[in-house]
Amino acid sequence: MKKKTKKKFWNLIMLLAIVFVAMYIVPQLELDQGAGTHSTSSESGESDYKLYFPADRFPETAKHIEDAIESGESKICTIDRVGAEDNRKDSLKGVPTKKGYDRDEWPMAMCSEGGAGADIEYISPSDNRGAGAWVSNQLEQYPDGTRVEFIVR
């Protein structure tokens, strides 16, 4: 009886490990491949890297990015963390807050293309903040001045 219990225990541990890998590791590998797709400026003429933004995880933010790009906003984000706070102030100036919503900016405040004239949409805080955290995590390895092309998929 002890051997059966021990075997069931290890089978459960293995099953949990497989579930963990399936839920957390495999999807991240797929996203990192998109985030890390390298294309030098001389090859593309526009960006240093491409970032594949997951529309299924952040649908409101994804739609806003797509709509803003279609209306003429840049699909390129030149990372400028130092200028983010000033860009945020400039882009949100005159745009009132709305209870239950965040004001989403495209281009983002952390992009030198952001700031005054950015496209603003009201979206749910969970979508906006989740997307912001995801983007920040994907781009933390890149220095300011890196040009990143956003591709929603």
Protein backbone atom coordinates (compact mmCIF):
# COMPACT_ATOMS: atom_id res chain seq x y z
CA MET A 1 0.00 0.00 0.00
CA LYS A 2 2.86 2.38 0.75
CA LYS A 3 4.33 1.94 -2.74
CA LYS A 4 0.97 2.76 -4.35
CA THR A 5 0.60 5.91 -2.27
CA LYS A 6 4.15 6.98 -3.06
CA LYS A 7 3.63 6.32 -6.77
CA LYS A 8 0.35 8.31 -6.76
CA PHE A 9 2.13 11.17 -5.00
CA TRP A 10 4.87 11.32 -7.63
CA ASN A 11 2.34 11.00 -10.43
CA LEU A 12 0.48 13.98 -8.96
CA ILE A 13 3.72 15.98 -8.70
CA MET A 14 4.55 15.19 -12.34
CA LEU A 15 1.04 16.14 -13.45
CA LEU A 16 1.28 19.47 -11.61
CA ALA A 17 4.68 20.13 -13.19
CA ILE A 18 3.27 19.44 -16.66
CA VAL A 19 0.29 21.72 -16.01
CA PHE A 20 2.64 24.47 -14.79
CA VAL A 21 4.81 24.20 -17.89
CA ALA A 22 1.76 24.15 -20.16
CA MET A 23 0.17 27.19 -18.51
CA TYR A 24 3.13 29.43 -17.78
CA ILE A 25 6.31 28.43 -19.55
CA VAL A 26 5.10 27.48 -23.05
CA PRO A 27 2.95 30.61 -23.62
CA GLN A 28 5.79 32.84 -22.40
CA LEU A 29 8.23 31.17 -24.78
CA GLU A 30 5.90 31.92 -27.66
CA LEU A 31 5.57 35.56 -26.60
CA ASP A 32 9.29 35.94 -26.03
CA GLN A 33 9.99 34.67 -29.53
CA GLY A 34 7.80 37.44 -30.89
CA ALA A 35 9.20 40.01 -28.51
CA GLY A 36 12.74 39.05 -29.37
CA THR A 37 12.40 38.99 -33.13
CA HIS A 38 15.42 41.00 -34.14
CA SER A 39 15.51 43.19 -37.16
CA THR A 40 18.23 45.80 -37.42
CA SER A 41 17.39 49.32 -38.51
CA SER A 42 19.32 48.88 -41.73
CA GLU A 43 17.26 45.80 -42.61
CA SER A 44 13.81 47.23 -41.88
CA GLY A 45 14.52 50.94 -42.10
CA GLU A 46 12.19 51.49 -39.15
CA SER A 47 12.71 49.35 -36.05
CA ASP A 48 15.35 47.51 -34.09
CA TYR A 49 12.92 44.93 -32.73
CA LYS A 50 9.37 43.73 -33.25
CA LEU A 51 7.04 43.14 -30.32
CA TYR A 52 4.03 40.92 -30.94
CA PHE A 53 1.30 42.26 -28.68
CA PRO A 54 -1.17 39.57 -27.48
CA ALA A 55 -4.68 40.72 -28.41
CA ASP A 56 -6.22 37.70 -26.72
CA ARG A 57 -4.78 38.72 -23.33
CA PHE A 58 -5.44 42.47 -23.58
CA PRO A 59 -8.24 42.94 -26.12
CA GLU A 60 -9.18 46.54 -25.27
CA THR A 61 -5.59 47.77 -25.40
CA ALA A 62 -4.97 45.79 -28.60
CA LYS A 63 -7.98 47.38 -30.29
CA HIS A 64 -6.86 50.82 -29.18
CA ILE A 65 -3.35 50.25 -30.58
CA GLU A 66 -4.76 49.01 -33.89
CA ASP A 67 -7.26 51.88 -34.17
CA ALA A 68 -4.66 54.51 -33.29
CA ILE A 69 -2.17 53.15 -35.83
CA GLU A 70 -4.92 53.03 -38.49
CA SER A 71 -5.70 56.68 -37.78
CA GLY A 72 -2.07 57.70 -38.32
CA GLU A 73 -0.28 57.18 -35.01
CA SER A 74 3.15 55.54 -35.12
CA LYS A 75 3.50 51.77 -34.86
CA ILE A 76 7.08 52.41 -33.71
CA CYS A 77 7.91 53.13 -30.08
CA THR A 78 11.33 54.65 -29.48
CA ILE A 79 11.95 53.84 -25.83
CA ASP A 80 12.35 57.00 -23.75
CA ARG A 81 11.78 56.13 -20.10
CA VAL A 82 13.19 59.46 -18.89
CA GLY A 83 10.57 61.42 -20.85
CA ALA A 84 7.63 59.20 -19.84
CA GLU A 85 6.26 61.37 -17.05
CA ASP A 86 6.31 64.55 -19.16
CA ASN A 87 4.78 62.67 -22.10
CA ARG A 88 1.99 61.36 -19.86
CA LYS A 89 1.21 64.86 -18.58
CA ASP A 90 1.17 66.25 -22.13
CA SER A 91 -0.95 63.48 -23.63
CA LEU A 92 -3.56 63.43 -20.85
CA LYS A 93 -3.81 67.22 -20.50
CA GLY A 94 -7.43 68.21 -20.97
CA VAL A 95 -8.68 64.59 -21.02
CA PRO A 96 -10.92 64.14 -17.98
CA THR A 97 -10.81 61.03 -15.85
CA LYS A 98 -13.83 58.75 -16.05
CA LYS A 99 -14.96 56.62 -13.10
CA GLY A 100 -14.21 52.94 -13.67
CA TYR A 101 -11.84 53.54 -16.59
CA ASP A 102 -8.19 54.28 -17.29
CA ARG A 103 -7.06 56.70 -19.98
CA ASP A 104 -4.93 54.62 -22.35
CA GLU A 105 -2.39 56.44 -24.52
CA TRP A 106 -1.02 55.47 -27.90
CA PRO A 107 1.82 55.97 -28.45
CA MET A 108 2.57 55.13 -24.85
CA ALA A 109 4.14 57.69 -22.55
CA MET A 110 7.39 55.72 -22.48
CA CYS A 111 7.79 56.27 -26.23
CA SER A 112 9.42 59.41 -27.56
CA GLU A 113 6.56 59.44 -30.12
CA GLY A 114 4.09 59.82 -27.21
CA GLY A 115 3.03 62.99 -25.46
CA ALA A 116 0.93 65.82 -26.85
CA GLY A 117 -1.37 64.61 -29.61
CA ALA A 118 -1.34 60.95 -28.53
CA ASP A 119 -4.54 59.01 -29.14
CA ILE A 120 -6.46 58.51 -25.86
CA GLU A 121 -9.12 55.85 -25.17
CA TYR A 122 -11.01 54.97 -22.02
CA ILE A 123 -10.48 51.28 -21.24
CA SER A 124 -10.87 49.02 -18.23
CA PRO A 125 -8.11 49.34 -15.63
CA SER A 126 -7.37 45.60 -15.61
CA ASP A 127 -6.76 45.50 -19.36
CA ASN A 128 -4.75 48.74 -19.39
CA ARG A 129 -2.57 47.95 -16.40
CA GLY A 130 -2.05 44.33 -17.39
CA ALA A 131 -0.97 45.43 -20.86
CA GLY A 132 1.35 48.07 -19.40
CA ALA A 133 3.00 45.56 -17.10
CA TRP A 134 3.36 43.06 -19.95
CA VAL A 135 4.95 45.63 -22.27
CA SER A 136 7.25 46.89 -19.54
CA ASN A 137 8.39 43.35 -18.83
CA GLN A 138 9.01 42.64 -22.52
CA LEU A 139 11.00 45.83 -23.05
CA GLU A 140 12.98 46.03 -19.80
CA GLN A 141 16.04 44.51 -21.48
CA TYR A 142 16.22 47.21 -24.15
CA PRO A 143 17.95 50.56 -23.57
CA ASP A 144 16.41 53.96 -24.23
CA GLY A 145 16.64 54.84 -27.91
CA THR A 146 15.67 51.31 -29.03
CA ARG A 147 13.00 51.44 -31.75
CA VAL A 148 10.32 48.78 -31.27
CA GLU A 149 7.62 48.01 -33.80
CA PHE A 150 4.33 46.91 -32.21
CA ILE A 151 2.44 44.22 -34.07
CA VAL A 152 -0.95 43.24 -32.63
CA ARG A 153 -1.88 39.62 -33.08
